[in-house]
Amino acid sequence: MTTTAQLRTERLRSHLLTAPAPSLAEAASHMLAVQSQEFWGGRWALASRTRGAPTLAQVDALFEDGTLVRAWTQRGTLHIVPARDFEWMLQVTAARQLQSAAPRYRELGLDAEVLAGVERAVRAALRGGNALTRAELFEVLSRTGVDPAGQRGAHAVGHLAMRGIICQGPVVARADGVSREQRFVLVEEHITDAHAPADPAAELFARYIDGHGPATVADFAWWSGLTLTASRAAAAAAADRVDEIDDGVFQAPTRPRRRAVPDVQALASFEEYYISYADRSIAGPAERFAEVGPGKNGMVRPILLAEGQIVGTWRQSTALGRHTEHPSVELLADIPEQEVSAALGRYASFVGG
């Protein structure tokens, strides 16, 4: 029987938290997808898994050169993914996402005819390498007779992204502050190096285990948004690429090499180490989870981690002029102040570098 301590040790390693990657691009490829409703958080999730002291500008450069994109790849939720993996991922996850969103489309009057008109207009606006902000895309919708208010614009844009027609690419620069917005681009023009695995579902399961294992089929079903039936089929198809180390618990056959890392780490909001499992008990005592979330507003707070357990939360505004302020901290365990300060200092170097 694999113990909780062993599972925690191996997850830290799979997540690159004790085995950081040589580069940001390699961290992104290994993780495959990091949750990124809060754009700063997804970028810090990659930097906190990379050796050295990567900066926000270095992450943003990977969006500019087309290495990374951001889109609704699973569960109707924004993730940062390697551009070359975006299209095959949607082959597995898009149908389920669109099925879940269909009732809301009907409520908003976004029927097939309206959505087809939106697609024509957006394709025309983006064709030729054009890249538009969300507000500029909403202007395109307005000109086609679709009022973007009341979430119609957000869902119309999301529908195109979940179908693999558009994605978010280059970052909109923001002077003296944390950039928080991207430009939308046409996938067929923007992504020129697309990976095409023989079995996308098997690829998704194997890559999830690579970056998140040890984990179960139920964990994968939660993370991917697929049904348990589809998840079991994906696991069976990937049987030759994963090891079953316990009854129903899977791990990658080869794992990143562990390295010396700080005892306390300040990790992002919607952190994959916490959010990407049906059973989150490995991350610490359940009574601490209420402080982390999801709360009533759906938010999951940034966490402080020590030896694989959540020991506190922290927050810092990314508003102009406030991103250099000292973060507020709420400790949930007795942790040396200097270790917490050092962890937050690494984030400060990332965001201000």
Protein backbone atom coordinates (compact mmCIF):
# COMPACT_ATOMS: atom_id res chain seq x y z
CA MET A 1 0.00 0.00 0.00
CA THR A 2 1.39 3.40 -1.03
CA THR A 3 1.41 5.78 1.93
CA THR A 4 0.18 9.36 1.94
CA ALA A 5 3.75 10.56 2.48
CA GLN A 6 4.96 8.61 -0.55
CA LEU A 7 2.14 9.94 -2.72
CA ARG A 8 2.93 13.48 -1.61
CA THR A 9 6.64 13.07 -2.37
CA GLU A 10 5.96 11.71 -5.84
CA ARG A 11 3.36 14.34 -6.67
CA LEU A 12 5.76 17.12 -5.73
CA ARG A 13 8.22 15.56 -8.13
CA SER A 14 5.70 15.11 -10.96
CA HIS A 15 4.55 18.71 -10.52
CA LEU A 16 8.17 19.86 -10.87
CA LEU A 17 7.95 21.50 -7.45
CA THR A 18 10.91 19.44 -6.22
CA ALA A 19 12.26 18.73 -9.71
CA PRO A 20 12.07 22.05 -11.59
CA ALA A 21 12.41 22.03 -15.36
CA PRO A 22 15.41 23.54 -17.19
CA SER A 23 13.20 26.03 -19.05
CA LEU A 24 9.73 27.55 -19.02
CA ALA A 25 8.83 25.82 -22.28
CA GLU A 26 9.84 22.44 -20.86
CA ALA A 27 7.80 23.08 -17.71
CA ALA A 28 4.76 23.88 -19.87
CA SER A 29 5.23 20.78 -21.99
CA HIS A 30 5.60 18.55 -18.94
CA MET A 31 2.51 19.93 -17.19
CA LEU A 32 0.53 20.07 -20.47
CA ALA A 33 -2.07 22.43 -19.00
CA VAL A 34 -2.06 24.79 -16.01
CA GLN A 35 -5.27 26.42 -14.90
CA SER A 36 -5.27 30.13 -15.64
CA GLN A 37 -8.50 32.00 -14.96
CA GLU A 38 -6.21 34.54 -13.31
CA PHE A 39 -3.64 35.12 -16.01
CA TRP A 40 -0.86 36.08 -13.59
CA GLY A 41 -1.43 32.82 -11.71
CA GLY A 42 -1.01 30.54 -14.70
CA ARG A 43 2.22 32.29 -15.65
CA TRP A 44 3.59 32.07 -12.10
CA ALA A 45 2.62 28.37 -12.03
CA LEU A 46 5.06 27.79 -14.89
CA ALA A 47 7.80 30.00 -13.43
CA SER A 48 7.57 28.31 -10.03
CA ARG A 49 8.29 24.99 -11.78
CA THR A 50 11.38 26.24 -13.61
CA ARG A 51 15.01 26.45 -12.48
CA GLY A 52 16.62 29.78 -11.82
CA ALA A 53 14.53 32.92 -11.51
CA PRO A 54 12.29 33.29 -14.58
CA THR A 55 10.52 36.63 -14.99
CA LEU A 56 7.04 37.53 -16.10
CA ALA A 57 8.49 39.08 -19.24
CA GLN A 58 10.16 35.78 -20.15
CA VAL A 59 6.86 33.92 -19.84
CA ASP A 60 5.09 36.55 -21.90
CA ALA A 61 7.70 36.17 -24.63
CA LEU A 62 6.53 32.56 -25.10
CA PHE A 63 3.05 33.81 -25.93
CA GLU A 64 4.51 36.34 -28.32
CA ASP A 65 6.56 33.76 -30.24
CA GLY A 66 3.72 31.22 -30.37
CA THR A 67 5.14 28.64 -27.95
CA LEU A 68 2.20 29.02 -25.52
CA VAL A 69 -1.48 29.81 -25.90
CA ARG A 70 -4.35 30.19 -23.45
CA ALA A 71 -7.82 28.82 -24.04
CA TRP A 72 -10.75 26.88 -22.63
CA THR A 73 -9.18 23.44 -23.01
CA GLN A 74 -11.15 21.53 -20.37
CA ARG A 75 -14.07 21.95 -17.93
CA GLY A 76 -14.96 25.25 -19.62
CA THR A 77 -11.96 26.70 -17.80
CA LEU A 78 -9.01 28.71 -19.07
CA HIS A 79 -5.67 26.91 -19.17
CA ILE A 80 -2.22 27.74 -20.50
CA VAL A 81 -1.03 24.99 -22.85
CA PRO A 82 1.80 24.49 -25.33
CA ALA A 83 0.53 25.68 -28.71
CA ARG A 84 1.50 22.41 -30.39
CA ASP A 85 -0.76 20.45 -28.01
CA PHE A 86 -3.83 22.67 -28.21
CA GLU A 87 -5.64 21.16 -31.18
CA TRP A 88 -5.35 17.49 -30.25
CA MET A 89 -6.45 18.25 -26.68
CA LEU A 90 -9.69 19.71 -28.01
CA GLN A 91 -10.26 16.56 -30.05
CA VAL A 92 -10.76 14.86 -26.66
CA THR A 93 -12.38 17.57 -24.54
CA ALA A 94 -14.33 19.92 -26.84
CA ALA A 95 -17.50 17.85 -27.33
CA ARG A 96 -18.04 17.49 -23.59
CA GLN A 97 -17.47 21.22 -23.00
CA LEU A 98 -19.84 22.26 -25.78
CA GLN A 99 -22.49 19.85 -24.56
CA SER A 100 -22.29 21.34 -21.07
CA ALA A 101 -22.48 24.89 -22.43
CA ALA A 102 -25.42 24.27 -24.82
CA PRO A 103 -28.21 25.16 -22.33
CA ARG A 104 -26.54 28.49 -21.59
CA TYR A 105 -26.18 29.23 -25.31
CA ARG A 106 -29.93 28.70 -25.71
CA GLU A 107 -30.68 31.04 -22.79
CA LEU A 108 -28.56 33.74 -24.42
CA GLY A 109 -30.12 33.32 -27.87
CA LEU A 110 -26.90 31.96 -29.35
CA ASP A 111 -28.44 29.41 -31.68
CA ALA A 112 -26.61 27.66 -34.54
CA GLU A 113 -27.43 30.43 -37.04
CA VAL A 114 -26.20 33.20 -34.76
CA LEU A 115 -23.02 31.32 -33.87
CA ALA A 116 -22.33 30.62 -37.56
CA GLY A 117 -22.60 34.35 -38.25
CA VAL A 118 -20.25 35.11 -35.36
CA GLU A 119 -17.72 32.63 -36.76
CA ARG A 120 -17.79 34.22 -40.22
CA ALA A 121 -17.33 37.70 -38.80
CA VAL A 122 -14.53 36.76 -36.41
CA ARG A 123 -12.65 34.76 -39.06
CA ALA A 124 -12.80 37.74 -41.40
CA ALA A 125 -11.61 40.14 -38.69
CA LEU A 126 -8.64 37.96 -37.67
CA ARG A 127 -7.61 36.69 -41.08
CA GLY A 128 -4.18 37.69 -42.31
CA GLY A 129 -2.47 37.55 -38.93
CA ASN A 130 -4.63 40.15 -37.20
CA ALA A 131 -4.81 39.87 -33.42
CA LEU A 132 -7.64 41.51 -31.45
CA THR A 133 -8.36 42.08 -27.79
CA ARG A 134 -11.57 40.87 -26.19
CA ALA A 135 -13.05 44.36 -26.40
CA GLU A 136 -12.19 44.58 -30.09
CA LEU A 137 -13.77 41.18 -30.72
CA PHE A 138 -16.90 42.37 -28.94
CA GLU A 139 -17.03 45.30 -31.37
CA VAL A 140 -16.95 42.76 -34.22
CA LEU A 141 -19.90 40.96 -32.62
CA SER A 142 -21.82 44.18 -32.22
CA ARG A 143 -21.40 44.95 -35.91
CA THR A 144 -22.93 41.56 -36.74
CA GLY A 145 -25.98 42.33 -34.59
CA VAL A 146 -24.94 40.28 -31.54
CA ASP A 147 -25.07 42.33 -28.34
CA PRO A 148 -22.06 41.15 -26.26
CA ALA A 149 -23.69 42.25 -22.99
CA GLY A 150 -25.09 39.79 -20.48
CA GLN A 151 -22.30 37.24 -21.15
CA ARG A 152 -23.33 36.78 -24.79
CA GLY A 153 -19.98 38.06 -25.98
CA ALA A 154 -18.00 35.90 -23.58
CA HIS A 155 -19.90 32.76 -24.53
CA ALA A 156 -19.76 33.49 -28.26
CA VAL A 157 -15.98 33.91 -28.06
CA GLY A 158 -15.63 30.86 -25.81
CA HIS A 159 -17.63 28.78 -28.29
CA LEU A 160 -15.15 29.60 -31.05
CA ALA A 161 -12.22 28.80 -28.76
CA MET A 162 -13.65 25.45 -27.64
CA ARG A 163 -14.08 24.54 -31.30
CA GLY A 164 -10.41 25.31 -31.89
CA ILE A 165 -11.01 28.27 -34.20
CA ILE A 166 -9.44 30.97 -32.02
CA CYS A 167 -7.16 31.11 -28.99
CA GLN A 168 -5.44 33.76 -26.90
CA GLY A 169 -1.88 34.48 -27.95
CA PRO A 170 0.28 37.63 -27.67
CA VAL A 171 0.09 39.55 -24.40
CA VAL A 172 -1.11 43.16 -24.34
CA ALA A 173 1.68 45.25 -22.81
CA ARG A 174 0.89 47.22 -19.68
CA ALA A 175 3.29 49.93 -18.61
CA ASP A 176 4.46 49.77 -15.00
CA GLY A 177 2.19 46.89 -14.11
CA VAL A 178 1.36 43.23 -14.57
CA SER A 179 -0.01 42.55 -18.04
CA ARG A 180 -3.46 41.01 -17.70
CA GLU A 181 -4.83 40.73 -21.22
CA GLN A 182 -4.09 38.86 -24.44
CA ARG A 183 -5.01 39.18 -28.07
CA PHE A 184 -7.11 36.57 -29.86
CA VAL A 185 -5.75 34.95 -33.00
CA LEU A 186 -6.88 32.43 -35.60
CA VAL A 187 -5.56 28.99 -34.66
CA GLU A 188 -5.09 27.90 -38.28
CA GLU A 189 -2.71 30.83 -38.86
CA HIS A 190 -1.10 31.10 -35.43
CA ILE A 191 -0.23 27.48 -34.68
CA THR A 192 2.09 26.12 -37.32
CA ASP A 193 3.63 23.18 -35.40
CA ALA A 194 0.76 20.98 -34.23
CA HIS A 195 1.41 17.66 -32.50
CA ALA A 196 -0.83 14.84 -33.77
CA PRO A 197 -0.72 11.81 -31.43
CA ALA A 198 -2.06 8.51 -32.75
CA ASP A 199 -4.53 8.27 -29.86
CA PRO A 200 -5.34 11.69 -28.36
CA ALA A 201 -7.30 10.27 -25.41
CA ALA A 202 -4.43 7.99 -24.43
CA GLU A 203 -2.03 10.91 -24.86
CA LEU A 204 -4.14 13.07 -22.55
CA PHE A 205 -4.21 10.44 -19.81
CA ALA A 206 -0.49 9.68 -20.06
CA ARG A 207 0.46 13.37 -20.05
CA TYR A 208 -1.81 14.02 -17.06
CA ILE A 209 -0.08 11.25 -15.13
CA ASP A 210 3.34 12.58 -16.19
CA GLY A 211 2.60 15.99 -14.69
CA HIS A 212 0.23 15.09 -11.85
CA GLY A 213 0.74 11.48 -10.81
CA PRO A 214 0.35 9.45 -8.75
CA ALA A 215 -3.34 9.87 -9.52
CA THR A 216 -6.49 7.87 -10.22
CA VAL A 217 -8.92 7.67 -13.11
CA ALA A 218 -11.37 9.69 -10.99
CA ASP A 219 -8.74 12.41 -10.60
CA PHE A 220 -8.19 12.44 -14.36
CA ALA A 221 -11.95 12.61 -14.99
CA TRP A 222 -12.18 15.68 -12.75
CA TRP A 223 -9.16 17.39 -14.34
CA SER A 224 -10.14 16.64 -17.94
CA GLY A 225 -13.90 17.13 -17.57
CA LEU A 226 -14.54 13.78 -19.26
CA THR A 227 -17.00 11.19 -18.04
CA LEU A 228 -15.72 8.31 -15.92
CA THR A 229 -16.51 5.94 -18.79
CA ALA A 230 -14.42 7.96 -21.23
CA SER A 231 -11.68 8.37 -18.63
CA ARG A 232 -11.47 4.62 -18.00
CA ALA A 233 -11.18 4.06 -21.75
CA ALA A 234 -8.37 6.64 -21.96
CA ALA A 235 -6.55 4.96 -19.08
CA ALA A 236 -6.86 1.54 -20.73
CA ALA A 237 -5.53 2.93 -24.01
CA ALA A 238 -2.53 4.41 -22.17
CA ALA A 239 -1.78 1.26 -20.15
CA ASP A 240 1.62 0.77 -21.78
CA ARG A 241 2.68 4.34 -20.92
CA VAL A 242 1.88 4.41 -17.18
CA ASP A 243 2.61 2.22 -14.16
CA GLU A 244 -0.11 1.11 -11.75
CA ILE A 245 1.70 1.43 -8.42
CA ASP A 246 -1.32 0.63 -6.28
CA ASP A 247 -4.87 -0.49 -6.93
CA GLY A 248 -6.14 2.15 -9.40
CA VAL A 249 -3.25 4.57 -8.71
CA PHE A 250 -1.06 5.45 -11.70
CA GLN A 251 2.39 6.96 -12.00
CA ALA A 252 4.75 7.73 -14.87
CA PRO A 253 7.46 5.10 -15.45
CA THR A 254 10.16 7.79 -15.52
CA ARG A 255 9.99 10.95 -13.48
CA PRO A 256 11.98 14.19 -13.29
CA ARG A 257 15.12 14.21 -11.16
CA ARG A 258 14.63 15.68 -7.70
CA ARG A 259 16.70 18.75 -6.83
CA ALA A 260 17.29 20.93 -3.81
CA VAL A 261 14.47 23.47 -3.52
CA PRO A 262 13.30 25.83 -0.74
CA ASP A 263 11.25 24.27 2.05
CA VAL A 264 8.41 26.79 1.64
CA GLN A 265 6.98 27.75 -1.75
CA ALA A 266 4.47 30.46 -2.66
CA LEU A 267 2.28 29.00 -5.39
CA ALA A 268 -0.40 30.45 -7.64
CA SER A 269 -4.15 30.82 -7.42
CA PHE A 270 -5.92 27.76 -8.86
CA GLU A 271 -2.67 25.86 -8.27
CA GLU A 272 -2.53 22.54 -10.13
CA TYR A 273 -0.99 20.72 -7.15
CA TYR A 274 -4.23 21.42 -5.27
CA ILE A 275 -7.03 21.91 -7.79
CA SER A 276 -6.40 19.12 -10.29
CA TYR A 277 -7.65 16.14 -8.23
CA ALA A 278 -11.04 14.76 -7.27
CA ASP A 279 -9.45 13.86 -3.91
CA ARG A 280 -7.30 16.72 -2.59
CA SER A 281 -6.47 15.15 0.77
CA ILE A 282 -2.80 14.69 -0.17
CA ALA A 283 -2.39 18.47 -0.03
CA GLY A 284 -3.10 18.63 3.70
CA PRO A 285 -5.83 18.53 6.35
CA ALA A 286 -9.31 19.08 4.96
CA GLU A 287 -10.05 21.85 7.46
CA ARG A 288 -7.54 24.06 5.65
CA PHE A 289 -9.33 23.75 2.32
CA ALA A 290 -12.10 26.16 3.31
CA GLU A 291 -9.47 28.90 3.51
CA VAL A 292 -8.14 28.01 0.06
CA GLY A 293 -11.40 27.50 -1.85
CA PRO A 294 -13.20 27.33 -4.14
CA GLY A 295 -15.20 29.91 -2.21
CA LYS A 296 -18.65 31.25 -2.98
CA ASN A 297 -17.15 33.36 -5.76
CA GLY A 298 -15.46 30.31 -7.27
CA MET A 299 -11.98 31.63 -6.52
CA VAL A 300 -9.12 29.44 -5.30
CA ARG A 301 -6.56 31.46 -3.37
CA PRO A 302 -2.78 31.34 -3.84
CA ILE A 303 -1.19 28.91 -1.40
CA LEU A 304 1.94 28.51 0.68
CA LEU A 305 3.27 24.96 0.55
CA ALA A 306 5.74 23.26 2.89
CA GLU A 307 6.80 19.65 2.30
CA GLY A 308 3.79 19.12 0.10
CA GLN A 309 1.19 20.43 2.54
CA ILE A 310 -0.74 23.68 2.42
CA VAL A 311 0.39 25.84 5.33
CA GLY A 312 -1.13 29.17 4.40
CA THR A 313 -2.59 31.46 1.76
CA TRP A 314 -1.43 34.78 0.38
CA ARG A 315 -2.68 37.47 -1.94
CA GLN A 316 -1.40 40.47 -3.81
CA SER A 317 -3.15 42.82 -6.19
CA THR A 318 -1.99 43.04 -9.80
CA ALA A 319 -3.59 46.47 -10.18
CA LEU A 320 -1.39 49.28 -11.48
CA GLY A 321 0.91 50.52 -8.76
CA ARG A 322 0.03 47.71 -6.34
CA HIS A 323 1.91 44.74 -7.81
CA THR A 324 5.04 45.70 -5.87
CA GLU A 325 3.27 45.91 -2.49
CA HIS A 326 4.10 43.28 0.10
CA PRO A 327 1.56 40.42 -0.15
CA SER A 328 -0.86 39.76 2.70
CA VAL A 329 -0.43 36.35 4.31
CA GLU A 330 -2.70 34.08 6.34
CA LEU A 331 -0.79 31.23 7.94
CA LEU A 332 -2.61 27.99 8.71
CA ALA A 333 0.39 26.33 10.40
CA ASP A 334 3.47 27.38 12.34
CA ILE A 335 6.05 28.28 9.68
CA PRO A 336 9.25 30.34 10.13
CA GLU A 337 8.66 33.92 9.01
CA GLN A 338 11.94 34.10 7.11
CA GLU A 339 10.97 31.09 4.96
CA VAL A 340 7.62 32.66 4.09
CA SER A 341 9.35 35.95 3.23
CA ALA A 342 11.85 34.13 1.02
CA ALA A 343 9.05 32.33 -0.83
CA LEU A 344 7.18 35.57 -1.45
CA GLY A 345 10.44 37.22 -2.46
CA ARG A 346 10.79 34.75 -5.30
CA TYR A 347 7.38 35.78 -6.57
CA ALA A 348 8.31 39.46 -6.22
CA SER A 349 11.39 38.86 -8.37
CA PHE A 350 9.24 37.13 -10.98
CA VAL A 351 6.61 39.85 -11.21
CA GLY A 352 9.03 42.76 -10.99
CA GLY A 353 12.00 41.34 -12.87
